[in-house]
Amino acid sequence: MELTNIFEGERLRLTEVDPKADSEKDSLWSHSIEYARNRKSNPVRPISALESRKKLEEELKEAEEEGNRFHFAIRSKDEKKELVGFLDVVNIEWKNGQGFLQIYFGNEALCREYLAESVQLGLTYVFDELNLYHVCMEIPAYETAIAAVLEKAGFQHEACLREIIFHEGKYFDRIMVGLLAEEWRSQKGLK
C-alpha cells in the first residue's frame, strides 16, 4: 500500500501555525469584516499583530493541554508557501468519534479558490488520521456558495439554529452540516 502525505493537496499544504510569522497576516485579515466575523462571534474589531500572536499562541497552548483540538495553517505549495487561511479541528469528543471542522480564509477570493481542496485535506485528516466517525461544520445561512461546496463534498444538513447570527442588520440561521466516515470513504471509493 502506497503511503500518501495527508497534509498535501494539489495546490495546498497543511502546516504548523507559526504565531510569530502568521500573526502579521492574521492581523491584516482582521481588518476585513467578513474574516473577522467568521473567526469570532463577538463584536469584531481589527487586532494588532501582537494581539494576534498572543491569540495564536494561546490557542496552540490550550490545544496541547486539552488534547481535543488541532490547529493548522493552510499554505500554498508553490515557492511562496503563502499563508491563505487556517484549518481547525475542534471540540473533539474522542469517546463518540465526533468533532467540528473550521476553515477560515483571508478573503473571499481565497475562499472561492481554495475551499474545496481545504475541505478535502481536513476530511482526510479527520477520518484517516484522527479516526473520527462524524464531523460537523457550521455555516451561516447567507453563505450559499460555501454550502454548495460542502454539499458537493458529501455533507448533509443536520440542524438549524434559527436566527442566531446577526449580520448586516438582520438575523440569519446557523446551519449545521455533517458527514460520516463511511459516507466519505464510499464517496472516495474507499472501504
N, C-alpha and C. Protein backbone atom coordinates (compact mmCIF):
# COMPACT_ATOMS: atom_id res chain seq x y z
N MET A 1 0.84 -1.18 0.00
CA MET A 1 0.00 0.00 0.00
C MET A 1 0.89 1.25 0.00
N GLU A 2 0.60 2.15 -0.88
CA GLU A 2 1.38 3.37 -1.00
C GLU A 2 0.92 4.40 0.04
N LEU A 3 1.88 4.96 0.75
CA LEU A 3 1.56 5.99 1.73
C LEU A 3 1.40 7.33 1.03
N THR A 4 0.40 8.08 1.45
CA THR A 4 0.21 9.40 0.89
C THR A 4 0.42 10.43 1.99
N ASN A 5 0.83 11.61 1.58
CA ASN A 5 1.02 12.69 2.53
C ASN A 5 -0.34 13.33 2.81
N ILE A 6 -0.86 13.08 4.00
CA ILE A 6 -2.19 13.58 4.34
C ILE A 6 -2.23 15.09 4.50
N PHE A 7 -1.08 15.73 4.53
CA PHE A 7 -1.03 17.18 4.70
C PHE A 7 -0.95 17.94 3.39
N GLU A 8 -0.88 17.23 2.27
CA GLU A 8 -0.71 17.91 0.98
C GLU A 8 -1.83 17.60 0.02
N GLY A 9 -2.31 18.65 -0.63
CA GLY A 9 -3.26 18.53 -1.72
C GLY A 9 -2.55 18.91 -3.01
N GLU A 10 -3.34 19.19 -4.01
CA GLU A 10 -2.77 19.56 -5.31
C GLU A 10 -2.05 20.90 -5.24
N ARG A 11 -2.68 21.90 -4.57
CA ARG A 11 -2.10 23.25 -4.52
C ARG A 11 -1.81 23.73 -3.11
N LEU A 12 -2.27 22.97 -2.12
CA LEU A 12 -2.18 23.43 -0.73
C LEU A 12 -1.46 22.43 0.15
N ARG A 13 -0.99 22.95 1.28
CA ARG A 13 -0.33 22.12 2.28
C ARG A 13 -0.80 22.60 3.65
N LEU A 14 -1.14 21.65 4.53
CA LEU A 14 -1.42 21.98 5.93
C LEU A 14 -0.09 21.98 6.66
N THR A 15 0.17 23.04 7.40
CA THR A 15 1.42 23.14 8.15
C THR A 15 1.12 23.56 9.58
N GLU A 16 2.18 23.64 10.37
CA GLU A 16 2.05 24.15 11.72
C GLU A 16 1.66 25.63 11.66
N VAL A 17 0.97 26.08 12.68
CA VAL A 17 0.72 27.51 12.84
C VAL A 17 1.97 28.10 13.47
N ASP A 18 2.48 29.16 12.88
CA ASP A 18 3.66 29.86 13.40
C ASP A 18 3.18 31.22 13.92
N PRO A 19 2.92 31.32 15.23
CA PRO A 19 2.35 32.56 15.76
C PRO A 19 3.14 33.81 15.38
N LYS A 20 4.45 33.72 15.39
CA LYS A 20 5.26 34.90 15.08
C LYS A 20 5.07 35.33 13.62
N ALA A 21 5.20 34.39 12.70
CA ALA A 21 5.11 34.71 11.28
C ALA A 21 3.66 34.92 10.83
N ASP A 22 2.74 34.11 11.32
CA ASP A 22 1.36 34.15 10.83
C ASP A 22 0.54 35.28 11.42
N SER A 23 1.00 35.85 12.53
CA SER A 23 0.23 36.91 13.18
C SER A 23 0.14 38.17 12.32
N GLU A 24 1.15 38.44 11.52
CA GLU A 24 1.11 39.63 10.65
C GLU A 24 -0.07 39.54 9.69
N LYS A 25 -0.21 38.39 9.03
CA LYS A 25 -1.28 38.22 8.06
C LYS A 25 -2.64 38.14 8.76
N ASP A 26 -2.71 37.43 9.89
CA ASP A 26 -3.96 37.34 10.64
C ASP A 26 -4.42 38.73 11.05
N SER A 27 -3.49 39.56 11.48
CA SER A 27 -3.81 40.94 11.86
C SER A 27 -4.34 41.72 10.66
N LEU A 28 -3.66 41.60 9.54
CA LEU A 28 -4.09 42.28 8.32
C LEU A 28 -5.49 41.82 7.92
N TRP A 29 -5.72 40.51 7.97
CA TRP A 29 -7.03 39.98 7.60
C TRP A 29 -8.13 40.44 8.55
N SER A 30 -7.77 40.71 9.82
CA SER A 30 -8.78 41.12 10.80
C SER A 30 -9.43 42.45 10.42
N HIS A 31 -8.82 43.17 9.49
CA HIS A 31 -9.41 44.43 9.01
C HIS A 31 -10.54 44.16 8.02
N SER A 32 -10.65 42.93 7.54
CA SER A 32 -11.76 42.52 6.68
C SER A 32 -12.91 42.07 7.58
N ILE A 33 -14.04 42.71 7.43
CA ILE A 33 -15.17 42.41 8.30
C ILE A 33 -15.63 40.96 8.17
N GLU A 34 -15.60 40.41 6.95
CA GLU A 34 -16.03 39.03 6.76
C GLU A 34 -15.10 38.05 7.48
N TYR A 35 -13.80 38.26 7.33
CA TYR A 35 -12.84 37.38 8.01
C TYR A 35 -13.04 37.48 9.52
N ALA A 36 -13.12 38.70 10.02
CA ALA A 36 -13.25 38.91 11.46
C ALA A 36 -14.53 38.26 11.99
N ARG A 37 -15.62 38.38 11.24
CA ARG A 37 -16.89 37.78 11.69
C ARG A 37 -16.83 36.26 11.67
N ASN A 38 -16.16 35.70 10.68
CA ASN A 38 -16.07 34.25 10.61
C ASN A 38 -15.13 33.69 11.67
N ARG A 39 -14.14 34.46 12.05
CA ARG A 39 -13.14 33.99 13.01
C ARG A 39 -13.66 34.04 14.44
N LYS A 40 -14.57 34.98 14.73
CA LYS A 40 -15.12 35.07 16.08
C LYS A 40 -16.53 35.62 16.03
N SER A 41 -17.33 35.26 17.03
CA SER A 41 -18.72 35.69 17.02
C SER A 41 -18.96 36.92 17.89
N ASN A 42 -17.99 37.30 18.68
CA ASN A 42 -18.13 38.50 19.49
C ASN A 42 -18.04 39.73 18.60
N PRO A 43 -18.37 40.91 19.13
CA PRO A 43 -18.20 42.11 18.30
C PRO A 43 -16.78 42.15 17.74
N VAL A 44 -16.69 42.42 16.45
CA VAL A 44 -15.40 42.36 15.77
C VAL A 44 -14.69 43.70 15.82
N ARG A 45 -13.38 43.61 15.72
CA ARG A 45 -12.54 44.80 15.62
C ARG A 45 -11.21 44.36 15.05
N PRO A 46 -10.52 45.25 14.38
CA PRO A 46 -9.18 44.90 13.90
C PRO A 46 -8.27 44.62 15.10
N ILE A 47 -7.36 43.68 14.93
CA ILE A 47 -6.42 43.38 16.00
C ILE A 47 -4.99 43.60 15.50
N SER A 48 -4.13 43.91 16.42
CA SER A 48 -2.72 44.13 16.07
C SER A 48 -2.02 42.79 15.88
N ALA A 49 -0.85 42.85 15.28
CA ALA A 49 -0.06 41.63 15.10
C ALA A 49 0.30 41.03 16.46
N LEU A 50 0.56 41.88 17.45
CA LEU A 50 0.88 41.40 18.79
C LEU A 50 -0.32 40.66 19.40
N GLU A 51 -1.51 41.25 19.28
CA GLU A 51 -2.72 40.58 19.79
C GLU A 51 -2.93 39.24 19.08
N SER A 52 -2.75 39.25 17.77
CA SER A 52 -2.92 38.03 17.00
C SER A 52 -1.92 36.97 17.46
N ARG A 53 -0.68 37.37 17.64
CA ARG A 53 0.35 36.42 18.08
C ARG A 53 -0.03 35.80 19.42
N LYS A 54 -0.46 36.63 20.36
CA LYS A 54 -0.87 36.12 21.67
C LYS A 54 -2.05 35.16 21.54
N LYS A 55 -3.02 35.51 20.69
CA LYS A 55 -4.20 34.67 20.49
C LYS A 55 -3.79 33.32 19.89
N LEU A 56 -2.94 33.34 18.88
CA LEU A 56 -2.50 32.10 18.24
C LEU A 56 -1.69 31.24 19.22
N GLU A 57 -0.82 31.87 20.00
CA GLU A 57 -0.04 31.13 21.00
C GLU A 57 -0.95 30.49 22.04
N GLU A 58 -1.97 31.24 22.46
CA GLU A 58 -2.92 30.73 23.46
C GLU A 58 -3.71 29.55 22.90
N GLU A 59 -4.16 29.65 21.64
CA GLU A 59 -4.90 28.55 21.01
C GLU A 59 -4.04 27.29 20.95
N LEU A 60 -2.79 27.44 20.58
CA LEU A 60 -1.89 26.28 20.47
C LEU A 60 -1.62 25.67 21.84
N LYS A 61 -1.43 26.52 22.85
CA LYS A 61 -1.18 26.03 24.21
C LYS A 61 -2.39 25.26 24.73
N GLU A 62 -3.58 25.82 24.55
CA GLU A 62 -4.80 25.15 25.01
C GLU A 62 -5.02 23.83 24.27
N ALA A 63 -4.72 23.81 22.97
CA ALA A 63 -4.88 22.58 22.19
C ALA A 63 -3.97 21.49 22.73
N GLU A 64 -2.75 21.86 23.07
CA GLU A 64 -1.80 20.88 23.61
C GLU A 64 -2.24 20.38 24.98
N GLU A 65 -2.72 21.28 25.82
CA GLU A 65 -3.14 20.91 27.17
C GLU A 65 -4.42 20.06 27.16
N GLU A 66 -5.37 20.43 26.32
CA GLU A 66 -6.68 19.77 26.35
C GLU A 66 -6.73 18.52 25.49
N GLY A 67 -5.95 18.47 24.42
CA GLY A 67 -5.90 17.29 23.57
C GLY A 67 -7.15 17.01 22.76
N ASN A 68 -8.02 18.02 22.61
CA ASN A 68 -9.24 17.78 21.85
C ASN A 68 -9.41 18.75 20.68
N ARG A 69 -8.28 19.30 20.23
CA ARG A 69 -8.33 20.17 19.05
C ARG A 69 -6.97 20.25 18.39
N PHE A 70 -7.00 20.54 17.10
CA PHE A 70 -5.78 20.63 16.31
C PHE A 70 -5.88 21.86 15.40
N HIS A 71 -4.80 22.60 15.30
CA HIS A 71 -4.78 23.83 14.51
C HIS A 71 -3.72 23.73 13.42
N PHE A 72 -4.08 24.14 12.22
CA PHE A 72 -3.17 24.13 11.08
C PHE A 72 -3.22 25.46 10.35
N ALA A 73 -2.11 25.81 9.74
CA ALA A 73 -2.09 26.89 8.76
C ALA A 73 -2.30 26.24 7.40
N ILE A 74 -3.02 26.92 6.53
CA ILE A 74 -3.18 26.45 5.15
C ILE A 74 -2.27 27.32 4.29
N ARG A 75 -1.32 26.68 3.61
CA ARG A 75 -0.35 27.42 2.80
C ARG A 75 -0.35 26.91 1.37
N SER A 76 0.01 27.79 0.46
CA SER A 76 0.17 27.37 -0.93
C SER A 76 1.41 26.49 -1.04
N LYS A 77 1.37 25.53 -1.96
CA LYS A 77 2.50 24.62 -2.15
C LYS A 77 3.58 25.21 -3.05
N ASP A 78 3.31 26.32 -3.69
CA ASP A 78 4.30 26.91 -4.59
C ASP A 78 5.49 27.44 -3.80
N GLU A 79 6.42 28.04 -4.49
CA GLU A 79 7.65 28.51 -3.84
C GLU A 79 7.40 29.59 -2.79
N LYS A 80 6.27 30.29 -2.89
CA LYS A 80 5.96 31.35 -1.92
C LYS A 80 5.54 30.79 -0.56
N LYS A 81 4.92 29.60 -0.56
CA LYS A 81 4.40 29.00 0.67
C LYS A 81 3.53 29.99 1.44
N GLU A 82 2.72 30.72 0.69
CA GLU A 82 1.91 31.80 1.24
C GLU A 82 0.80 31.28 2.14
N LEU A 83 0.62 31.93 3.29
CA LEU A 83 -0.49 31.62 4.18
C LEU A 83 -1.78 32.10 3.52
N VAL A 84 -2.75 31.19 3.36
CA VAL A 84 -4.03 31.57 2.75
C VAL A 84 -5.18 31.44 3.74
N GLY A 85 -4.96 30.71 4.85
CA GLY A 85 -6.02 30.55 5.83
C GLY A 85 -5.61 29.63 6.96
N PHE A 86 -6.60 29.27 7.76
CA PHE A 86 -6.39 28.38 8.90
C PHE A 86 -7.43 27.27 8.86
N LEU A 87 -7.04 26.10 9.34
CA LEU A 87 -7.95 24.95 9.44
C LEU A 87 -7.84 24.41 10.86
N ASP A 88 -8.98 24.28 11.52
CA ASP A 88 -9.01 23.78 12.89
C ASP A 88 -9.96 22.60 12.99
N VAL A 89 -9.57 21.61 13.77
CA VAL A 89 -10.47 20.53 14.18
C VAL A 89 -10.64 20.74 15.67
N VAL A 90 -11.88 21.02 16.10
CA VAL A 90 -12.12 21.42 17.48
C VAL A 90 -13.25 20.61 18.10
N ASN A 91 -13.38 20.78 19.42
CA ASN A 91 -14.46 20.13 20.18
C ASN A 91 -14.55 18.64 19.90
N ILE A 92 -13.40 18.00 19.87
CA ILE A 92 -13.37 16.56 19.59
C ILE A 92 -13.87 15.81 20.82
N GLU A 93 -14.81 14.92 20.59
CA GLU A 93 -15.30 14.00 21.61
C GLU A 93 -14.75 12.63 21.23
N TRP A 94 -13.63 12.24 21.85
CA TRP A 94 -12.96 11.00 21.46
C TRP A 94 -13.85 9.78 21.65
N LYS A 95 -14.60 9.75 22.74
CA LYS A 95 -15.47 8.60 23.01
C LYS A 95 -16.51 8.41 21.90
N ASN A 96 -17.03 9.52 21.39
CA ASN A 96 -18.08 9.46 20.37
C ASN A 96 -17.53 9.53 18.95
N GLY A 97 -16.24 9.77 18.81
CA GLY A 97 -15.65 9.87 17.47
C GLY A 97 -16.20 11.03 16.67
N GLN A 98 -16.36 12.17 17.33
CA GLN A 98 -17.03 13.32 16.74
C GLN A 98 -16.20 14.57 16.91
N GLY A 99 -16.23 15.47 15.94
CA GLY A 99 -15.54 16.75 16.05
C GLY A 99 -16.09 17.75 15.05
N PHE A 100 -15.60 18.98 15.16
CA PHE A 100 -16.01 20.06 14.27
C PHE A 100 -14.82 20.51 13.44
N LEU A 101 -15.06 20.75 12.17
CA LEU A 101 -14.06 21.26 11.26
C LEU A 101 -14.36 22.73 11.01
N GLN A 102 -13.34 23.58 11.16
CA GLN A 102 -13.50 25.01 10.91
C GLN A 102 -12.41 25.43 9.94
N ILE A 103 -12.78 26.21 8.93
CA ILE A 103 -11.83 26.68 7.94
C ILE A 103 -12.05 28.18 7.75
N TYR A 104 -10.95 28.94 7.81
CA TYR A 104 -11.01 30.40 7.65
C TYR A 104 -10.02 30.82 6.58
N PHE A 105 -10.45 31.70 5.69
CA PHE A 105 -9.56 32.24 4.67
C PHE A 105 -9.43 33.74 4.85
N GLY A 106 -8.34 34.27 4.36
CA GLY A 106 -8.06 35.69 4.49
C GLY A 106 -9.06 36.58 3.79
N ASN A 107 -9.63 36.11 2.70
CA ASN A 107 -10.63 36.90 1.98
C ASN A 107 -11.49 35.98 1.12
N GLU A 108 -12.52 36.57 0.53
CA GLU A 108 -13.48 35.80 -0.25
C GLU A 108 -12.85 35.13 -1.47
N ALA A 109 -11.91 35.81 -2.11
CA ALA A 109 -11.25 35.24 -3.29
C ALA A 109 -10.48 33.98 -2.92
N LEU A 110 -9.78 34.00 -1.80
CA LEU A 110 -9.05 32.81 -1.34
C LEU A 110 -10.02 31.69 -1.01
N CYS A 111 -11.14 32.03 -0.42
CA CYS A 111 -12.16 31.03 -0.08
C CYS A 111 -12.67 30.35 -1.35
N ARG A 112 -13.02 31.16 -2.34
CA ARG A 112 -13.52 30.59 -3.61
C ARG A 112 -12.48 29.68 -4.24
N GLU A 113 -11.23 30.11 -4.20
CA GLU A 113 -10.17 29.36 -4.87
C GLU A 113 -9.79 28.07 -4.13
N TYR A 114 -9.79 28.11 -2.81
CA TYR A 114 -9.19 27.01 -2.05
C TYR A 114 -10.12 26.22 -1.14
N LEU A 115 -11.38 26.60 -1.02
CA LEU A 115 -12.25 25.93 -0.05
C LEU A 115 -12.39 24.43 -0.32
N ALA A 116 -12.71 24.05 -1.54
CA ALA A 116 -12.95 22.63 -1.84
C ALA A 116 -11.74 21.78 -1.50
N GLU A 117 -10.55 22.23 -1.87
CA GLU A 117 -9.34 21.46 -1.58
C GLU A 117 -9.06 21.43 -0.08
N SER A 118 -9.30 22.54 0.60
CA SER A 118 -9.08 22.59 2.05
C SER A 118 -10.03 21.65 2.79
N VAL A 119 -11.27 21.59 2.35
CA VAL A 119 -12.24 20.68 2.96
C VAL A 119 -11.74 19.24 2.82
N GLN A 120 -11.26 18.87 1.64
CA GLN A 120 -10.77 17.50 1.44
C GLN A 120 -9.55 17.21 2.32
N LEU A 121 -8.64 18.18 2.45
CA LEU A 121 -7.49 17.98 3.35
C LEU A 121 -7.96 17.79 4.78
N GLY A 122 -8.92 18.61 5.21
CA GLY A 122 -9.46 18.49 6.56
C GLY A 122 -10.14 17.15 6.79
N LEU A 123 -10.91 16.70 5.82
CA LEU A 123 -11.61 15.42 5.96
C LEU A 123 -10.63 14.25 5.98
N THR A 124 -9.60 14.32 5.17
CA THR A 124 -8.58 13.27 5.19
C THR A 124 -7.95 13.19 6.57
N TYR A 125 -7.64 14.34 7.17
CA TYR A 125 -7.03 14.35 8.50
C TYR A 125 -8.02 13.81 9.54
N VAL A 126 -9.24 14.30 9.49
CA VAL A 126 -10.26 13.91 10.47
C VAL A 126 -10.54 12.41 10.43
N PHE A 127 -10.72 11.86 9.24
CA PHE A 127 -11.14 10.47 9.13
C PHE A 127 -9.97 9.49 9.07
N ASP A 128 -8.90 9.84 8.37
CA ASP A 128 -7.79 8.90 8.20
C ASP A 128 -6.74 8.98 9.31
N GLU A 129 -6.55 10.14 9.89
CA GLU A 129 -5.54 10.27 10.94
C GLU A 129 -6.16 10.21 12.33
N LEU A 130 -7.19 11.00 12.57
CA LEU A 130 -7.81 11.03 13.90
C LEU A 130 -8.80 9.89 14.10
N ASN A 131 -9.19 9.25 13.02
CA ASN A 131 -10.13 8.13 13.06
C ASN A 131 -11.47 8.53 13.70
N LEU A 132 -11.91 9.76 13.43
CA LEU A 132 -13.23 10.17 13.89
C LEU A 132 -14.28 9.53 12.99
N TYR A 133 -15.48 9.43 13.51
CA TYR A 133 -16.57 8.81 12.76
C TYR A 133 -17.51 9.86 12.15
N HIS A 134 -17.61 11.01 12.80
CA HIS A 134 -18.58 12.04 12.39
C HIS A 134 -17.91 13.40 12.52
N VAL A 135 -18.08 14.23 11.51
CA VAL A 135 -17.55 15.59 11.57
C VAL A 135 -18.65 16.56 11.17
N CYS A 136 -18.69 17.70 11.86
CA CYS A 136 -19.68 18.75 11.60
C CYS A 136 -18.98 20.03 11.15
N MET A 137 -19.71 20.83 10.43
CA MET A 137 -19.30 22.20 10.14
C MET A 137 -20.52 23.08 10.33
N GLU A 138 -20.28 24.31 10.75
CA GLU A 138 -21.36 25.28 10.92
C GLU A 138 -21.16 26.38 9.89
N ILE A 139 -22.25 26.77 9.23
CA ILE A 139 -22.16 27.85 8.25
C ILE A 139 -23.37 28.77 8.39
N PRO A 140 -23.16 30.06 8.20
CA PRO A 140 -24.29 30.98 8.19
C PRO A 140 -25.17 30.71 6.97
N ALA A 141 -26.46 30.85 7.11
CA ALA A 141 -27.39 30.57 6.01
C ALA A 141 -27.14 31.44 4.79
N TYR A 142 -26.57 32.62 4.98
CA TYR A 142 -26.33 33.50 3.83
C TYR A 142 -25.11 33.07 3.00
N GLU A 143 -24.34 32.11 3.48
CA GLU A 143 -23.15 31.63 2.75
C GLU A 143 -23.53 30.47 1.83
N THR A 144 -24.34 30.75 0.84
CA THR A 144 -24.85 29.69 -0.04
C THR A 144 -23.76 29.05 -0.89
N ALA A 145 -22.75 29.81 -1.29
CA ALA A 145 -21.67 29.24 -2.10
C ALA A 145 -20.87 28.22 -1.28
N ILE A 146 -20.63 28.54 -0.01
CA ILE A 146 -19.91 27.61 0.87
C ILE A 146 -20.76 26.36 1.09
N ALA A 147 -22.06 26.55 1.30
CA ALA A 147 -22.96 25.40 1.48
C ALA A 147 -22.91 24.47 0.27
N ALA A 148 -22.84 25.03 -0.92
CA ALA A 148 -22.79 24.21 -2.14
C ALA A 148 -21.50 23.39 -2.20
N VAL A 149 -20.38 23.98 -1.81
CA VAL A 149 -19.10 23.26 -1.79
C VAL A 149 -19.16 22.11 -0.79
N LEU A 150 -19.73 22.37 0.38
CA LEU A 150 -19.82 21.33 1.41
C LEU A 150 -20.77 20.21 0.99
N GLU A 151 -21.85 20.57 0.34
CA GLU A 151 -22.78 19.54 -0.14
C GLU A 151 -22.09 18.66 -1.19
N LYS A 152 -21.33 19.28 -2.06
CA LYS A 152 -20.60 18.51 -3.08
C LYS A 152 -19.58 17.57 -2.43
N ALA A 153 -19.04 17.98 -1.28
CA ALA A 153 -18.09 17.14 -0.55
C ALA A 153 -18.78 16.01 0.21
N GLY A 154 -20.11 16.01 0.22
CA GLY A 154 -20.85 14.93 0.87
C GLY A 154 -21.55 15.29 2.16
N PHE A 155 -21.35 16.51 2.64
CA PHE A 155 -22.01 16.93 3.88
C PHE A 155 -23.52 16.97 3.69
N GLN A 156 -24.23 16.63 4.77
CA GLN A 156 -25.69 16.66 4.76
C GLN A 156 -26.18 17.61 5.86
N HIS A 157 -27.31 18.25 5.58
CA HIS A 157 -27.93 19.15 6.55
C HIS A 157 -28.33 18.34 7.78
N GLU A 158 -27.92 18.80 8.96
CA GLU A 158 -28.24 18.07 10.19
C GLU A 158 -29.06 18.89 11.18
N ALA A 159 -28.84 20.20 11.20
CA ALA A 159 -29.57 21.01 12.17
C ALA A 159 -29.57 22.47 11.73
N CYS A 160 -30.49 23.20 12.30
CA CYS A 160 -30.59 24.62 12.02
C CYS A 160 -30.84 25.36 13.34
N LEU A 161 -29.97 26.27 13.66
CA LEU A 161 -30.17 27.15 14.81
C LEU A 161 -30.77 28.43 14.25
N ARG A 162 -32.03 28.64 14.51
CA ARG A 162 -32.77 29.71 13.86
C ARG A 162 -32.36 31.10 14.32
N GLU A 163 -32.12 31.95 13.35
CA GLU A 163 -31.86 33.38 13.55
C GLU A 163 -30.90 33.64 14.71
N ILE A 164 -29.78 32.98 14.68
CA ILE A 164 -28.80 33.09 15.76
C ILE A 164 -27.60 33.97 15.38
N ILE A 165 -27.49 34.31 14.10
CA ILE A 165 -26.37 35.12 13.62
C ILE A 165 -26.89 36.49 13.20
N PHE A 166 -26.34 37.54 13.81
CA PHE A 166 -26.69 38.91 13.42
C PHE A 166 -25.66 39.37 12.40
N HIS A 167 -26.12 39.69 11.20
CA HIS A 167 -25.21 40.04 10.10
C HIS A 167 -25.84 41.15 9.26
N GLU A 168 -25.15 42.27 9.18
CA GLU A 168 -25.59 43.40 8.36
C GLU A 168 -27.04 43.80 8.64
N GLY A 169 -27.37 43.90 9.92
CA GLY A 169 -28.68 44.39 10.32
C GLY A 169 -29.81 43.38 10.33
N LYS A 170 -29.50 42.10 10.04
CA LYS A 170 -30.54 41.07 10.02
C LYS A 170 -30.06 39.84 10.78
N TYR A 171 -31.03 39.03 11.18
CA TYR A 171 -30.71 37.75 11.82
C TYR A 171 -30.80 36.62 10.80
N PHE A 172 -29.83 35.72 10.88
CA PHE A 172 -29.77 34.58 9.96
C PHE A 172 -29.62 33.29 10.75
N ASP A 173 -30.02 32.20 10.11
CA ASP A 173 -29.86 30.87 10.71
C ASP A 173 -28.40 30.43 10.63
N ARG A 174 -28.01 29.60 11.58
CA ARG A 174 -26.72 28.89 11.51
C ARG A 174 -27.07 27.45 11.14
N ILE A 175 -26.53 27.01 10.04
CA ILE A 175 -26.79 25.67 9.53
C ILE A 175 -25.66 24.75 9.96
N MET A 176 -26.03 23.60 10.50
CA MET A 176 -25.03 22.58 10.84
C MET A 176 -25.13 21.47 9.82
N VAL A 177 -23.98 21.16 9.23
CA VAL A 177 -23.91 20.06 8.27
C VAL A 177 -22.93 19.03 8.81
N GLY A 178 -23.13 17.78 8.44
CA GLY A 178 -22.27 16.72 8.96
C GLY A 178 -21.98 15.68 7.91
N LEU A 179 -20.94 14.91 8.19
CA LEU A 179 -20.51 13.85 7.29
C LEU A 179 -19.98 12.70 8.13
N LEU A 180 -20.38 11.48 7.78
CA LEU A 180 -19.89 10.28 8.45
C LEU A 180 -18.70 9.72 7.69
N ALA A 181 -17.81 9.07 8.42
CA ALA A 181 -16.61 8.50 7.80
C ALA A 181 -16.97 7.54 6.68
N GLU A 182 -17.97 6.69 6.91
CA GLU A 182 -18.33 5.70 5.89
C GLU A 182 -18.89 6.36 4.63
N GLU A 183 -19.59 7.48 4.80
CA GLU A 183 -20.10 8.21 3.63
C GLU A 183 -18.94 8.80 2.83
N TRP A 184 -17.97 9.36 3.55
CA TRP A 184 -16.81 9.96 2.90
C TRP A 184 -15.99 8.91 2.16
N ARG A 185 -15.76 7.78 2.83
CA ARG A 185 -14.98 6.71 2.20
C ARG A 185 -15.71 6.15 0.98
N SER A 186 -17.01 6.00 1.09
CA SER A 186 -17.80 5.50 -0.04
C SER A 186 -17.71 6.46 -1.22
N GLN A 187 -17.81 7.73 -0.92
CA GLN A 187 -17.73 8.75 -1.97
C GLN A 187 -16.34 8.74 -2.63
N LYS A 188 -15.31 8.45 -1.85
CA LYS A 188 -13.94 8.41 -2.37
C LYS A 188 -13.61 7.08 -3.03
N GLY A 189 -14.53 6.12 -2.93
CA GLY A 189 -14.27 4.80 -3.49
C GLY A 189 -13.39 3.95 -2.60
N LEU A 190 -13.36 4.28 -1.29
CA LEU A 190 -12.57 3.52 -0.31
C LEU A 190 -13.50 2.65 0.50
N LYS A 191 -12.92 1.67 1.18
CA LYS A 191 -13.74 0.80 2.04
C LYS A 191 -13.54 1.14 3.48
